[in-house]
Amino acid sequence: MSDMITDCESLLGQSSLSGPDGRRGFLKVALGTGFAVAVLPVAAQNVIKTDSAGLVTATISVMVDGQAVPVYAAQPEGKTGLPVVLVISEIFGVHEHIADMARRFAKQGYLALAPDLFVRQGDPTKVASVADLMKGIIAKTPDAQVMTDLDAVVAWAKQNGGDTSRLGITGFCWGGRITWLYAAHNPAVKAGVAWYGRLVGEPTPLQPSNPIDIAASLKVPVLGLYGGKDTGISQESIGKMKDALAKGGNKSEFVVYPDAGHAFNADYRPSYVAADAKDGYARCLAWFKRHGVA
């Protein structure tokens, strides 16, 4: 982090984050366009499209130890001193759904930042199967690298008009697990919201800890949003996580939607449950407000 620099001009609070191709700090290939190949075809009838009216959006670049990390950024136009929310993607990367989530937060007054945390390992939006994606990219992405990248994105936000004393994080699936871990890593986080993120698992050299391992020492309040019919995240594991959190006196909470499975917020997939997704998002905003992010 000592040699972390940013390649972005300080434009937050001005009229636009965007710039013509080639302008210093902006990437020619924008994040958040189209859907990941592995999830095609999408359930188009359910896809929520949040427009950019009143917002400024751009793909910025944050340099971390010589590596350019692309970040989809969205914020209200002409505003500065904004609360900051990190939006952490699923295994499919920063595709259209994640960019739309960032715009939804920006509409609520946030500087929303969705970084491409797989940039060194590959482009998950181009991988055709989930199995290949898990083996070729996800399993090769070190947690330590993710934490460092997120630290750099927070530093960028602080330098570019974000109020990082009001810092929140939310993530989906893979990003839900990262939400728990980053809340433990960075005590400056005011609150987190983890959507169906894995809680337990076998440690690996690149992913040595899981949320259950940091629960007893966690200080940041995290809201866990989970599906009662999620075959990959058992109710038993949620119970164990609750017990571990209680031992440390942590004020995290869980909401389990009994009729929802995994990825119930993913409006582009058959797993989408509109009522639960809407309720979860409302609870997310309320959680951030309750804990000093908004």
C-alpha atoms as a PDB file:
ATOM      1  CA  MET A   1       0.000   0.000   0.000  1.00  0.00           C
ATOM      2  CA  SER A   2       2.954   2.324   0.577  1.00  0.00           C
ATOM      3  CA  ASP A   3       3.455   2.824  -3.138  1.00  0.00           C
ATOM      4  CA  MET A   4      -0.253   2.787  -3.968  1.00  0.00           C
ATOM      5  CA  ILE A   5      -1.096   5.663  -6.285  1.00  0.00           C
ATOM      6  CA  THR A   6      -4.192   6.542  -8.195  1.00  0.00           C
ATOM      7  CA  ASP A   7      -4.422   7.173 -11.882  1.00  0.00           C
ATOM      8  CA  CYS A   8      -7.617   9.182 -11.555  1.00  0.00           C
ATOM      9  CA  GLU A   9      -8.096  12.893 -11.608  1.00  0.00           C
ATOM     10  CA  SER A  10      -9.958  14.346  -8.643  1.00  0.00           C
ATOM     11  CA  LEU A  11     -13.299  14.896 -10.315  1.00  0.00           C
ATOM     12  CA  LEU A  12     -15.871  13.982  -7.697  1.00  0.00           C
ATOM     13  CA  GLY A  13     -18.046  16.947  -6.857  1.00  0.00           C
ATOM     14  CA  GLN A  14     -17.681  18.265 -10.381  1.00  0.00           C
ATOM     15  CA  SER A  15     -20.128  17.687 -13.179  1.00  0.00           C
ATOM     16  CA  SER A  16     -18.789  14.386 -14.441  1.00  0.00           C
ATOM     17  CA  LEU A  17     -16.669  11.343 -13.652  1.00  0.00           C
ATOM     18  CA  SER A  18     -16.503  10.390 -17.284  1.00  0.00           C
ATOM     19  CA  GLY A  19     -14.144  11.477 -19.971  1.00  0.00           C
ATOM     20  CA  PRO A  20     -13.237  10.736 -23.568  1.00  0.00           C
ATOM     21  CA  ASP A  21     -11.243   7.615 -24.371  1.00  0.00           C
ATOM     22  CA  GLY A  22      -7.621   8.116 -23.539  1.00  0.00           C
ATOM     23  CA  ARG A  23      -8.070  10.703 -20.823  1.00  0.00           C
ATOM     24  CA  ARG A  24      -5.689   9.949 -17.962  1.00  0.00           C
ATOM     25  CA  GLY A  25      -7.318   7.715 -15.377  1.00  0.00           C
ATOM     26  CA  PHE A  26     -10.173   6.366 -17.452  1.00  0.00           C
ATOM     27  CA  LEU A  27     -10.344   2.987 -19.111  1.00  0.00           C
ATOM     28  CA  LYS A  28     -11.375   2.491 -22.707  1.00  0.00           C
ATOM     29  CA  VAL A  29     -13.221  -0.726 -21.876  1.00  0.00           C
ATOM     30  CA  ALA A  30     -16.024   0.098 -19.463  1.00  0.00           C
ATOM     31  CA  LEU A  31     -17.145  -2.215 -16.699  1.00  0.00           C
ATOM     32  CA  GLY A  32     -20.789  -3.035 -16.191  1.00  0.00           C
ATOM     33  CA  THR A  33     -21.827  -3.506 -19.804  1.00  0.00           C
ATOM     34  CA  GLY A  34     -23.639  -6.704 -20.724  1.00  0.00           C
ATOM     35  CA  PHE A  35     -23.989  -9.861 -18.677  1.00  0.00           C
ATOM     36  CA  ALA A  36     -21.431 -12.540 -17.907  1.00  0.00           C
ATOM     37  CA  VAL A  37     -21.356 -15.335 -20.490  1.00  0.00           C
ATOM     38  CA  ALA A  38     -21.840 -17.999 -17.808  1.00  0.00           C
ATOM     39  CA  VAL A  39     -25.291 -16.632 -16.896  1.00  0.00           C
ATOM     40  CA  LEU A  40     -26.697 -16.327 -20.406  1.00  0.00           C
ATOM     41  CA  PRO A  41     -29.465 -16.316 -21.390  1.00  0.00           C
ATOM     42  CA  VAL A  42     -30.732 -13.836 -18.825  1.00  0.00           C
ATOM     43  CA  ALA A  43     -34.283 -13.687 -17.500  1.00  0.00           C
ATOM     44  CA  ALA A  44     -34.845 -10.439 -19.345  1.00  0.00           C
ATOM     45  CA  GLN A  45     -38.398  -9.930 -18.119  1.00  0.00           C
ATOM     46  CA  ASN A  46     -37.126  -9.367 -14.543  1.00  0.00           C
ATOM     47  CA  VAL A  47     -34.022  -7.279 -15.204  1.00  0.00           C
ATOM     48  CA  ILE A  48     -34.080  -3.953 -13.382  1.00  0.00           C
ATOM     49  CA  LYS A  49     -32.543  -1.098 -15.347  1.00  0.00           C
ATOM     50  CA  THR A  50     -31.571   1.912 -13.252  1.00  0.00           C
ATOM     51  CA  ASP A  51     -30.909   4.935 -15.417  1.00  0.00           C
ATOM     52  CA  SER A  52     -28.109   7.440 -14.926  1.00  0.00           C
ATOM     53  CA  ALA A  53     -30.328  10.520 -14.759  1.00  0.00           C
ATOM     54  CA  GLY A  54     -28.909  12.796 -12.092  1.00  0.00           C
ATOM     55  CA  LEU A  55     -25.800  10.656 -11.763  1.00  0.00           C
ATOM     56  CA  VAL A  56     -22.273  10.625 -13.032  1.00  0.00           C
ATOM     57  CA  THR A  57     -20.791   7.221 -13.790  1.00  0.00           C
ATOM     58  CA  ALA A  58     -17.440   6.043 -15.095  1.00  0.00           C
ATOM     59  CA  THR A  59     -14.969   3.206 -15.090  1.00  0.00           C
ATOM     60  CA  ILE A  60     -11.988   4.575 -13.213  1.00  0.00           C
ATOM     61  CA  SER A  61      -8.600   3.006 -12.610  1.00  0.00           C
ATOM     62  CA  VAL A  62      -6.893   2.681  -9.235  1.00  0.00           C
ATOM     63  CA  MET A  63      -3.249   1.612  -9.266  1.00  0.00           C
ATOM     64  CA  VAL A  64      -2.225  -0.930  -6.632  1.00  0.00           C
ATOM     65  CA  ASP A  65       1.454  -1.895  -6.575  1.00  0.00           C
ATOM     66  CA  GLY A  66       1.715  -1.378 -10.326  1.00  0.00           C
ATOM     67  CA  GLN A  67      -1.571  -3.075 -11.212  1.00  0.00           C
ATOM     68  CA  ALA A  68      -4.457  -1.041 -12.630  1.00  0.00           C
ATOM     69  CA  VAL A  69      -7.660  -2.110 -10.877  1.00  0.00           C
ATOM     70  CA  PRO A  70     -10.775  -1.019 -12.803  1.00  0.00           C
ATOM     71  CA  VAL A  71     -13.652   0.289 -10.698  1.00  0.00           C
ATOM     72  CA  TYR A  72     -17.192   1.097 -11.780  1.00  0.00           C
ATOM     73  CA  ALA A  73     -18.083   4.346  -9.998  1.00  0.00           C
ATOM     74  CA  ALA A  74     -21.449   6.052  -9.648  1.00  0.00           C
ATOM     75  CA  GLN A  75     -22.487   9.108  -7.655  1.00  0.00           C
ATOM     76  CA  PRO A  76     -25.060  11.915  -7.620  1.00  0.00           C
ATOM     77  CA  GLU A  77     -24.092  14.673 -10.018  1.00  0.00           C
ATOM     78  CA  GLY A  78     -22.464  17.765  -8.531  1.00  0.00           C
ATOM     79  CA  LYS A  79     -22.124  16.344  -5.027  1.00  0.00           C
ATOM     80  CA  THR A  80     -19.159  15.824  -2.743  1.00  0.00           C
ATOM     81  CA  GLY A  81     -18.634  14.615   0.814  1.00  0.00           C
ATOM     82  CA  LEU A  82     -20.736  11.570   0.010  1.00  0.00           C
ATOM     83  CA  PRO A  83     -21.021   8.405   2.083  1.00  0.00           C
ATOM     84  CA  VAL A  84     -19.136   5.566   0.410  1.00  0.00           C
ATOM     85  CA  VAL A  85     -20.399   2.058  -0.300  1.00  0.00           C
ATOM     86  CA  LEU A  86     -18.216  -0.684  -1.742  1.00  0.00           C
ATOM     87  CA  VAL A  87     -20.263  -2.984  -3.989  1.00  0.00           C
ATOM     88  CA  ILE A  88     -18.640  -6.409  -4.231  1.00  0.00           C
ATOM     89  CA  SER A  89     -19.576  -8.639  -7.139  1.00  0.00           C
ATOM     90  CA  GLU A  90     -20.531 -12.261  -7.412  1.00  0.00           C
ATOM     91  CA  ILE A  91     -18.145 -14.682  -9.082  1.00  0.00           C
ATOM     92  CA  PHE A  92     -19.302 -13.244 -12.423  1.00  0.00           C
ATOM     93  CA  GLY A  93     -17.469  -9.968 -11.901  1.00  0.00           C
ATOM     94  CA  VAL A  94     -18.619  -6.422 -12.499  1.00  0.00           C
ATOM     95  CA  HIS A  95     -21.180  -7.060 -15.191  1.00  0.00           C
ATOM     96  CA  GLU A  96     -24.430  -5.218 -15.876  1.00  0.00           C
ATOM     97  CA  HIS A  97     -26.221  -6.323 -12.707  1.00  0.00           C
ATOM     98  CA  ILE A  98     -23.468  -5.103 -10.378  1.00  0.00           C
ATOM     99  CA  ALA A  99     -23.212  -1.772 -12.199  1.00  0.00           C
ATOM    100  CA  ASP A 100     -26.966  -1.404 -11.836  1.00  0.00           C
ATOM    101  CA  MET A 101     -26.693  -2.053  -8.098  1.00  0.00           C
ATOM    102  CA  ALA A 102     -24.060   0.687  -7.894  1.00  0.00           C
ATOM    103  CA  ARG A 103     -26.411   3.103  -9.656  1.00  0.00           C
ATOM    104  CA  ARG A 104     -29.192   2.184  -7.235  1.00  0.00           C
ATOM    105  CA  PHE A 105     -26.969   3.184  -4.328  1.00  0.00           C
ATOM    106  CA  ALA A 106     -25.900   6.354  -6.120  1.00  0.00           C
ATOM    107  CA  LYS A 107     -29.567   7.278  -6.514  1.00  0.00           C
ATOM    108  CA  GLN A 108     -29.748   7.062  -2.718  1.00  0.00           C
ATOM    109  CA  GLY A 109     -26.927   9.579  -2.314  1.00  0.00           C
ATOM    110  CA  TYR A 110     -23.882   7.306  -2.134  1.00  0.00           C
ATOM    111  CA  LEU A 111     -20.569   7.265  -3.897  1.00  0.00           C
ATOM    112  CA  ALA A 112     -20.820   3.628  -5.000  1.00  0.00           C
ATOM    113  CA  LEU A 113     -17.651   1.815  -6.074  1.00  0.00           C
ATOM    114  CA  ALA A 114     -17.641  -1.665  -7.633  1.00  0.00           C
ATOM    115  CA  PRO A 115     -14.057  -2.845  -8.235  1.00  0.00           C
ATOM    116  CA  ASP A 116     -12.920  -5.621 -10.571  1.00  0.00           C
ATOM    117  CA  LEU A 117     -11.242  -7.760  -7.929  1.00  0.00           C
ATOM    118  CA  PHE A 118     -10.351 -10.519 -10.403  1.00  0.00           C
ATOM    119  CA  VAL A 119      -8.376  -8.333 -12.795  1.00  0.00           C
ATOM    120  CA  ARG A 120      -5.068 -10.156 -12.216  1.00  0.00           C
ATOM    121  CA  GLN A 121      -6.585 -13.632 -12.582  1.00  0.00           C
ATOM    122  CA  GLY A 122      -8.753 -13.080 -15.661  1.00  0.00           C
ATOM    123  CA  ASP A 123     -12.066 -11.763 -16.934  1.00  0.00           C
ATOM    124  CA  PRO A 124     -14.923 -13.708 -15.311  1.00  0.00           C
ATOM    125  CA  THR A 125     -17.487 -12.154 -17.622  1.00  0.00           C
ATOM    126  CA  LYS A 126     -15.967 -14.062 -20.559  1.00  0.00           C
ATOM    127  CA  VAL A 127     -15.798 -17.546 -19.014  1.00  0.00           C
ATOM    128  CA  ALA A 128     -18.531 -19.830 -20.325  1.00  0.00           C
ATOM    129  CA  SER A 129     -19.068 -22.196 -17.380  1.00  0.00           C
ATOM    130  CA  VAL A 130     -19.306 -21.751 -13.633  1.00  0.00           C
ATOM    131  CA  ALA A 131     -17.003 -24.748 -13.084  1.00  0.00           C
ATOM    132  CA  ASP A 132     -14.258 -23.208 -15.241  1.00  0.00           C
ATOM    133  CA  LEU A 133     -14.793 -19.856 -13.575  1.00  0.00           C
ATOM    134  CA  MET A 134     -14.415 -21.316 -10.093  1.00  0.00           C
ATOM    135  CA  LYS A 135     -11.324 -23.312 -11.019  1.00  0.00           C
ATOM    136  CA  GLY A 136      -9.600 -20.813 -13.291  1.00  0.00           C
ATOM    137  CA  ILE A 137     -10.263 -17.499 -11.549  1.00  0.00           C
ATOM    138  CA  ILE A 138     -12.031 -17.662  -8.180  1.00  0.00           C
ATOM    139  CA  ALA A 139      -9.816 -20.328  -6.613  1.00  0.00           C
ATOM    140  CA  LYS A 140      -6.736 -18.397  -7.740  1.00  0.00           C
ATOM    141  CA  THR A 141      -7.777 -15.034  -6.248  1.00  0.00           C
ATOM    142  CA  PRO A 142      -6.059 -14.502  -2.875  1.00  0.00           C
ATOM    143  CA  ASP A 143      -8.062 -12.956  -0.058  1.00  0.00           C
ATOM    144  CA  ALA A 144      -5.032 -10.840   0.869  1.00  0.00           C
ATOM    145  CA  GLN A 145      -4.998  -9.354  -2.636  1.00  0.00           C
ATOM    146  CA  VAL A 146      -8.710  -8.536  -2.375  1.00  0.00           C
ATOM    147  CA  MET A 147      -8.239  -6.795   0.976  1.00  0.00           C
ATOM    148  CA  THR A 148      -5.371  -4.695  -0.398  1.00  0.00           C
ATOM    149  CA  ASP A 149      -7.351  -3.725  -3.493  1.00  0.00           C
ATOM    150  CA  LEU A 150     -10.317  -2.668  -1.379  1.00  0.00           C
ATOM    151  CA  ASP A 151      -8.040  -0.625   0.877  1.00  0.00           C
ATOM    152  CA  ALA A 152      -6.785   1.159  -2.238  1.00  0.00           C
ATOM    153  CA  VAL A 153     -10.331   1.847  -3.464  1.00  0.00           C
ATOM    154  CA  VAL A 154     -11.227   3.327  -0.077  1.00  0.00           C
ATOM    155  CA  ALA A 155      -8.102   5.502  -0.216  1.00  0.00           C
ATOM    156  CA  TRP A 156      -9.121   6.669  -3.687  1.00  0.00           C
ATOM    157  CA  ALA A 157     -12.587   7.544  -2.404  1.00  0.00           C
ATOM    158  CA  LYS A 158     -11.120   9.606   0.432  1.00  0.00           C
ATOM    159  CA  GLN A 159      -8.937  11.521  -2.032  1.00  0.00           C
ATOM    160  CA  ASN A 160     -11.795  12.102  -4.463  1.00  0.00           C
ATOM    161  CA  GLY A 161     -14.676  13.555  -2.532  1.00  0.00           C
ATOM    162  CA  GLY A 162     -15.948  10.544  -0.599  1.00  0.00           C
ATOM    163  CA  ASP A 163     -16.558  10.723   3.133  1.00  0.00           C
ATOM    164  CA  THR A 164     -14.846   7.530   4.291  1.00  0.00           C
ATOM    165  CA  SER A 165     -15.880   8.180   7.875  1.00  0.00           C
ATOM    166  CA  ARG A 166     -19.213   6.912   6.523  1.00  0.00           C
ATOM    167  CA  LEU A 167     -18.019   3.719   4.855  1.00  0.00           C
ATOM    168  CA  GLY A 168     -20.209   0.730   4.097  1.00  0.00           C
ATOM    169  CA  ILE A 169     -19.747  -2.472   2.156  1.00  0.00           C
ATOM    170  CA  THR A 170     -22.189  -4.857   0.541  1.00  0.00           C
ATOM    171  CA  GLY A 171     -21.630  -7.915  -1.604  1.00  0.00           C
ATOM    172  CA  PHE A 172     -23.366 -10.803  -3.301  1.00  0.00           C
ATOM    173  CA  CYS A 173     -22.475 -14.523  -3.177  1.00  0.00           C
ATOM    174  CA  TRP A 174     -18.645 -14.460  -3.413  1.00  0.00           C
ATOM    175  CA  GLY A 175     -18.923 -10.787  -2.535  1.00  0.00           C
ATOM    176  CA  GLY A 176     -21.028 -11.642   0.484  1.00  0.00           C
ATOM    177  CA  ARG A 177     -18.164 -13.678   1.926  1.00  0.00           C
ATOM    178  CA  ILE A 178     -15.777 -10.831   1.146  1.00  0.00           C
ATOM    179  CA  THR A 179     -18.115  -8.411   2.922  1.00  0.00           C
ATOM    180  CA  TRP A 180     -17.708 -10.343   6.177  1.00  0.00           C
ATOM    181  CA  LEU A 181     -13.938 -10.594   5.744  1.00  0.00           C
ATOM    182  CA  TYR A 182     -13.389  -6.949   4.829  1.00  0.00           C
ATOM    183  CA  ALA A 183     -15.537  -5.806   7.764  1.00  0.00           C
ATOM    184  CA  ALA A 184     -13.056  -7.684   9.974  1.00  0.00           C
ATOM    185  CA  HIS A 185     -10.042  -6.406   8.040  1.00  0.00           C
ATOM    186  CA  ASN A 186     -10.908  -2.699   8.066  1.00  0.00           C
ATOM    187  CA  PRO A 187     -12.279  -1.320  11.355  1.00  0.00           C
ATOM    188  CA  ALA A 188     -13.148   1.938   9.556  1.00  0.00           C
ATOM    189  CA  VAL A 189     -16.135   0.161   7.985  1.00  0.00           C
ATOM    190  CA  LYS A 190     -19.269   1.356   9.760  1.00  0.00           C
ATOM    191  CA  ALA A 191     -21.528  -1.453   8.563  1.00  0.00           C
ATOM    192  CA  GLY A 192     -21.769  -4.288   6.061  1.00  0.00           C
ATOM    193  CA  VAL A 193     -24.570  -6.127   4.296  1.00  0.00           C
ATOM    194  CA  ALA A 194     -23.751  -9.638   3.086  1.00  0.00           C
ATOM    195  CA  TRP A 195     -26.117 -11.202   0.568  1.00  0.00           C
ATOM    196  CA  TYR A 196     -25.928 -15.022   0.682  1.00  0.00           C
ATOM    197  CA  GLY A 197     -22.190 -15.123   1.254  1.00  0.00           C
ATOM    198  CA  ARG A 198     -20.594 -18.417   2.262  1.00  0.00           C
ATOM    199  CA  LEU A 199     -19.854 -18.598   5.997  1.00  0.00           C
ATOM    200  CA  VAL A 200     -17.882 -21.825   6.456  1.00  0.00           C
ATOM    201  CA  GLY A 201     -15.532 -23.891   4.340  1.00  0.00           C
ATOM    202  CA  GLU A 202     -12.195 -25.606   4.045  1.00  0.00           C
ATOM    203  CA  PRO A 203      -9.292 -23.136   4.269  1.00  0.00           C
ATOM    204  CA  THR A 204      -6.777 -22.930   1.437  1.00  0.00           C
ATOM    205  CA  PRO A 205      -3.423 -21.137   1.220  1.00  0.00           C
ATOM    206  CA  LEU A 206      -5.005 -18.306  -0.802  1.00  0.00           C
ATOM    207  CA  GLN A 207      -8.251 -18.237   1.199  1.00  0.00           C
ATOM    208  CA  PRO A 208      -7.099 -19.120   4.714  1.00  0.00           C
ATOM    209  CA  SER A 209     -10.130 -17.851   6.633  1.00  0.00           C
ATOM    210  CA  ASN A 210     -13.887 -17.863   6.323  1.00  0.00           C
ATOM    211  CA  PRO A 211     -16.415 -15.623   8.055  1.00  0.00           C
ATOM    212  CA  ILE A 212     -16.928 -18.176  10.844  1.00  0.00           C
ATOM    213  CA  ASP A 213     -13.220 -17.821  11.700  1.00  0.00           C
ATOM    214  CA  ILE A 214     -13.365 -14.063  12.242  1.00  0.00           C
ATOM    215  CA  ALA A 215     -16.816 -13.929  13.834  1.00  0.00           C
ATOM    216  CA  ALA A 216     -15.757 -13.926  17.484  1.00  0.00           C
ATOM    217  CA  SER A 217     -13.455 -10.923  16.995  1.00  0.00           C
ATOM    218  CA  LEU A 218     -15.602  -8.981  14.522  1.00  0.00           C
ATOM    219  CA  LYS A 219     -16.489  -5.460  15.690  1.00  0.00           C
ATOM    220  CA  VAL A 220     -18.361  -4.159  12.636  1.00  0.00           C
ATOM    221  CA  PRO A 221     -22.124  -4.887  12.484  1.00  0.00           C
ATOM    222  CA  VAL A 222     -23.036  -6.934   9.416  1.00  0.00           C
ATOM    223  CA  LEU A 223     -26.538  -7.716   8.192  1.00  0.00           C
ATOM    224  CA  GLY A 224     -26.713 -11.158   6.611  1.00  0.00           C
ATOM    225  CA  LEU A 225     -29.422 -11.706   3.991  1.00  0.00           C
ATOM    226  CA  TYR A 226     -29.869 -15.397   3.223  1.00  0.00           C
ATOM    227  CA  GLY A 227     -32.284 -17.812   1.573  1.00  0.00           C
ATOM    228  CA  GLY A 228     -33.946 -20.582   3.518  1.00  0.00           C
ATOM    229  CA  LYS A 229     -33.818 -22.843   0.447  1.00  0.00           C
ATOM    230  CA  ASP A 230     -30.175 -22.128  -0.401  1.00  0.00           C
ATOM    231  CA  THR A 231     -28.700 -25.581  -0.961  1.00  0.00           C
ATOM    232  CA  GLY A 232     -25.137 -24.250  -0.786  1.00  0.00           C
ATOM    233  CA  ILE A 233     -25.418 -22.360   2.507  1.00  0.00           C
ATOM    234  CA  SER A 234     -27.041 -24.456   5.201  1.00  0.00           C
ATOM    235  CA  GLN A 235     -29.172 -23.184   8.042  1.00  0.00           C
ATOM    236  CA  GLU A 236     -26.756 -25.050  10.292  1.00  0.00           C
ATOM    237  CA  SER A 237     -23.875 -22.865   9.111  1.00  0.00           C
ATOM    238  CA  ILE A 238     -25.941 -19.739   9.760  1.00  0.00           C
ATOM    239  CA  GLY A 239     -26.664 -21.011  13.267  1.00  0.00           C
ATOM    240  CA  LYS A 240     -22.963 -21.594  13.906  1.00  0.00           C
ATOM    241  CA  MET A 241     -22.170 -18.101  12.637  1.00  0.00           C
ATOM    242  CA  LYS A 242     -24.772 -16.576  14.957  1.00  0.00           C
ATOM    243  CA  ASP A 243     -23.280 -18.427  17.927  1.00  0.00           C
ATOM    244  CA  ALA A 244     -19.746 -17.313  17.071  1.00  0.00           C
ATOM    245  CA  LEU A 245     -20.840 -13.699  16.687  1.00  0.00           C
ATOM    246  CA  ALA A 246     -22.668 -13.806  20.008  1.00  0.00           C
ATOM    247  CA  LYS A 247     -19.526 -14.975  21.791  1.00  0.00           C
ATOM    248  CA  GLY A 248     -17.824 -11.763  20.766  1.00  0.00           C
ATOM    249  CA  GLY A 249     -20.791  -9.556  21.537  1.00  0.00           C
ATOM    250  CA  ASN A 250     -21.135  -8.522  17.908  1.00  0.00           C
ATOM    251  CA  LYS A 251     -24.407  -6.838  16.907  1.00  0.00           C
ATOM    252  CA  SER A 252     -24.702  -8.450  13.482  1.00  0.00           C
ATOM    253  CA  GLU A 253     -28.098  -9.782  12.464  1.00  0.00           C
ATOM    254  CA  PHE A 254     -29.501 -12.284   9.991  1.00  0.00           C
ATOM    255  CA  VAL A 255     -32.638 -12.275   7.894  1.00  0.00           C
ATOM    256  CA  VAL A 256     -33.504 -15.618   6.316  1.00  0.00           C
ATOM    257  CA  TYR A 257     -36.159 -15.592   3.595  1.00  0.00           C
ATOM    258  CA  PRO A 258     -37.861 -18.992   3.872  1.00  0.00           C
ATOM    259  CA  ASP A 259     -38.994 -19.258   0.257  1.00  0.00           C
ATOM    260  CA  ALA A 260     -35.788 -17.950  -1.348  1.00  0.00           C
ATOM    261  CA  GLY A 261     -32.798 -19.898  -2.569  1.00  0.00           C
ATOM    262  CA  HIS A 262     -29.342 -18.652  -3.486  1.00  0.00           C
ATOM    263  CA  ALA A 263     -28.973 -15.446  -5.526  1.00  0.00           C
ATOM    264  CA  PHE A 264     -32.503 -14.260  -4.826  1.00  0.00           C
ATOM    265  CA  ASN A 265     -31.458 -10.667  -5.583  1.00  0.00           C
ATOM    266  CA  ALA A 266     -30.056 -11.564  -9.028  1.00  0.00           C
ATOM    267  CA  ASP A 267     -32.868 -10.147 -11.160  1.00  0.00           C
ATOM    268  CA  TYR A 268     -31.301 -11.513 -14.346  1.00  0.00           C
ATOM    269  CA  ARG A 269     -31.435 -15.159 -13.160  1.00  0.00           C
ATOM    270  CA  PRO A 270     -34.253 -17.650 -12.557  1.00  0.00           C
ATOM    271  CA  SER A 271     -33.325 -17.615  -8.845  1.00  0.00           C
ATOM    272  CA  TYR A 272     -34.696 -14.073  -8.470  1.00  0.00           C
ATOM    273  CA  VAL A 273     -37.397 -13.562  -5.844  1.00  0.00           C
ATOM    274  CA  ALA A 274     -38.730 -10.062  -6.376  1.00  0.00           C
ATOM    275  CA  ALA A 275     -40.435  -9.551  -3.012  1.00  0.00           C
ATOM    276  CA  ASP A 276     -37.451 -10.783  -1.017  1.00  0.00           C
ATOM    277  CA  ALA A 277     -34.981  -8.801  -3.131  1.00  0.00           C
ATOM    278  CA  LYS A 278     -36.998  -5.624  -2.585  1.00  0.00           C
ATOM    279  CA  ASP A 279     -37.255  -6.254   1.134  1.00  0.00           C
ATOM    280  CA  GLY A 280     -33.552  -7.048   1.362  1.00  0.00           C
ATOM    281  CA  TYR A 281     -32.558  -3.829  -0.369  1.00  0.00           C
ATOM    282  CA  ALA A 282     -34.807  -1.789   1.930  1.00  0.00           C
ATOM    283  CA  ARG A 283     -33.244  -3.508   4.931  1.00  0.00           C
ATOM    284  CA  CYS A 284     -29.773  -2.834   3.505  1.00  0.00           C
ATOM    285  CA  LEU A 285     -30.443   0.904   3.234  1.00  0.00           C
ATOM    286  CA  ALA A 286     -31.980   0.997   6.711  1.00  0.00           C
ATOM    287  CA  TRP A 287     -28.994  -0.911   8.156  1.00  0.00           C
ATOM    288  CA  PHE A 288     -26.550   1.578   6.670  1.00  0.00           C
ATOM    289  CA  LYS A 289     -28.589   4.478   8.032  1.00  0.00           C
ATOM    290  CA  ARG A 290     -28.877   2.881  11.471  1.00  0.00           C
ATOM    291  CA  HIS A 291     -25.135   2.405  11.735  1.00  0.00           C
ATOM    292  CA  GLY A 292     -23.944   5.770  10.482  1.00  0.00           C
ATOM    293  CA  VAL A 293     -23.138   5.092   6.844  1.00  0.00           C
ATOM    294  CA  ALA A 294     -25.944   7.113   5.248  1.00  0.00           C
END
